[in-house]
Protein backbone atom coordinates (compact mmCIF):
# COMPACT_ATOMS: atom_id res chain seq x y z
CA MET A 1 0.26 -0.10 0.26
CA LEU A 2 2.23 2.29 1.29
CA GLU A 3 4.85 1.79 -2.03
CA LYS A 4 1.68 2.88 -4.47
CA CYS A 5 2.07 6.43 -2.43
CA ASN A 6 3.53 9.22 -4.57
CA ASP A 7 3.59 12.62 -2.97
CA LEU A 8 2.82 12.58 -0.04
CA THR A 9 1.89 16.23 2.12
CA PHE A 10 3.85 16.37 5.15
CA ASP A 11 -0.39 16.14 7.04
CA GLN A 12 0.19 12.49 5.46
CA ALA A 13 3.24 11.19 5.94
CA ASN A 14 3.59 11.78 9.73
CA HIS A 15 -0.69 10.59 10.00
CA ILE A 16 1.05 7.53 8.41
CA LEU A 17 4.26 7.67 10.48
CA ASN A 18 2.43 7.82 13.71
CA ASN A 19 -0.76 5.66 13.27
CA PHE A 20 0.91 2.40 11.76
CA ILE A 21 5.11 3.54 11.74
CA PHE A 22 5.20 3.93 15.26
CA PRO A 23 3.31 1.74 15.91
CA LEU A 24 5.42 -0.94 14.29
CA GLY A 25 8.07 -0.43 16.88
CA THR A 26 7.14 -3.55 19.27
CA LEU A 27 7.78 -5.79 16.45
CA LEU A 28 11.19 -4.30 16.29
CA GLN A 29 12.10 -6.31 19.37
CA ASP A 30 10.51 -9.09 18.31
CA PHE A 31 12.46 -9.22 14.56
CA LYS A 32 16.18 -9.10 16.95
CA GLN A 33 15.36 -11.34 19.21
CA CYS A 34 14.25 -13.80 16.83
CA ILE A 35 16.39 -17.15 15.39
CA PRO A 36 17.68 -16.15 12.25
CA GLU A 37 15.96 -18.65 9.92
CA THR A 38 13.05 -16.11 10.85
CA LYS A 39 13.61 -13.23 10.37
CA ASP A 40 11.54 -11.74 7.44
CA GLN A 41 13.44 -9.67 4.66
CA GLU A 42 10.24 -8.23 4.02
CA PHE A 43 9.99 -6.89 7.58
CA VAL A 44 14.11 -4.87 5.90
CA ALA A 45 12.27 -4.08 3.09
CA LEU A 46 8.86 -2.10 5.05
CA PHE A 47 11.41 0.12 6.93
CA THR A 48 12.75 0.98 3.46
CA VAL A 49 9.96 1.99 1.42
CA VAL A 50 8.92 4.10 4.91
CA LEU A 51 12.06 5.92 4.62
CA GLU A 52 11.92 6.44 0.24
CA LYS A 53 7.87 6.89 0.62
CA LEU A 54 7.66 9.72 3.63
CA ASN A 55 10.80 11.72 2.28
CA MET A 56 11.00 12.75 5.42
CA VAL A 57 13.27 13.32 9.10
CA LEU A 58 12.57 10.63 11.55
CA ASP A 59 12.57 11.30 15.28
CA SER A 60 15.76 10.92 16.96
CA ASP A 61 14.61 7.98 19.41
CA PHE A 62 12.79 6.34 17.42
CA LEU A 63 15.90 6.20 14.06
CA THR A 64 17.95 4.66 17.57
CA LYS A 65 15.67 1.73 18.25
CA LEU A 66 15.29 1.10 14.48
CA LEU A 67 18.92 1.42 13.95
CA GLU A 68 19.83 -0.86 17.03
CA MET A 69 17.19 -3.67 16.17
CA ILE A 70 17.72 -3.51 12.64
CA PHE A 71 21.48 -3.34 12.05
CA THR A 72 21.69 -4.65 15.23
CA SER A 73 19.92 -8.27 14.50
CA SER A 74 20.53 -8.23 11.01
CA LEU A 75 24.62 -7.22 10.48
CA PRO A 76 25.92 -11.10 12.14
CA LEU A 77 23.21 -12.50 9.12
CA ILE A 78 25.08 -10.66 6.50
CA THR A 79 28.51 -10.83 7.60
CA SER A 80 28.86 -14.70 9.24
CA ASP A 81 28.15 -16.16 5.33
CA PHE A 82 28.55 -14.58 2.35
CA ASN A 83 25.36 -17.26 0.84
CA SER A 84 23.08 -16.96 2.92
CA PHE A 85 19.85 -14.76 3.57
CA PRO A 86 19.96 -12.99 0.02
CA GLU A 87 17.28 -11.08 0.54
CA ILE A 88 17.83 -9.89 4.09
CA ARG A 89 21.03 -8.77 2.45
CA ALA A 90 19.56 -7.02 -0.17
CA ASN A 91 17.04 -5.11 1.35
CA PHE A 92 19.40 -4.37 4.98
CA PHE A 93 21.91 -2.43 2.02
CA SER A 94 18.39 -0.72 0.36
CA PHE A 95 17.95 -0.13 4.26
CA LEU A 96 20.93 2.20 4.79
CA LYS A 97 21.18 3.52 1.70
CA ALA A 98 17.62 4.54 2.17
CA LEU A 99 18.31 5.74 6.10
CA VAL A 100 21.88 8.47 4.50
CA LYS A 101 19.42 10.17 2.17
CA PHE A 102 16.45 11.25 4.72
CA ASN A 103 18.53 11.09 7.70
CA PHE A 104 22.29 12.13 7.33
CA GLY A 105 21.91 14.60 9.32
CA THR A 106 20.19 12.76 12.59
CA LEU A 107 22.17 10.08 11.87
CA PHE A 108 25.74 12.35 13.43
CA ALA A 109 23.33 13.95 15.42
CA LEU A 110 22.81 10.90 17.83
CA ASN A 111 25.11 10.44 20.66
């Protein structure tokens, strides 16, 4: 659904962020804690689409949580064996690209 959205207004983007995306933050903990074989690459892809389509800077607290959960749980999967989890690998790098593109300043402001 979100992939089909183009040219969202600021109010529409905030509505989607506050009512749909921020509540997904609780699922980030589940993604981090689940075993590698059950991690769904679509979860990483979802947050990539969110960053690309909303085209706005995320709150630093949510961005910190997002980085902690996705980065720390995906990185071991893609660095331990370069053949396993190709979908997570591709989505992880797309996520990083979107993260840097839309939240570059916020990333450097994080502690």
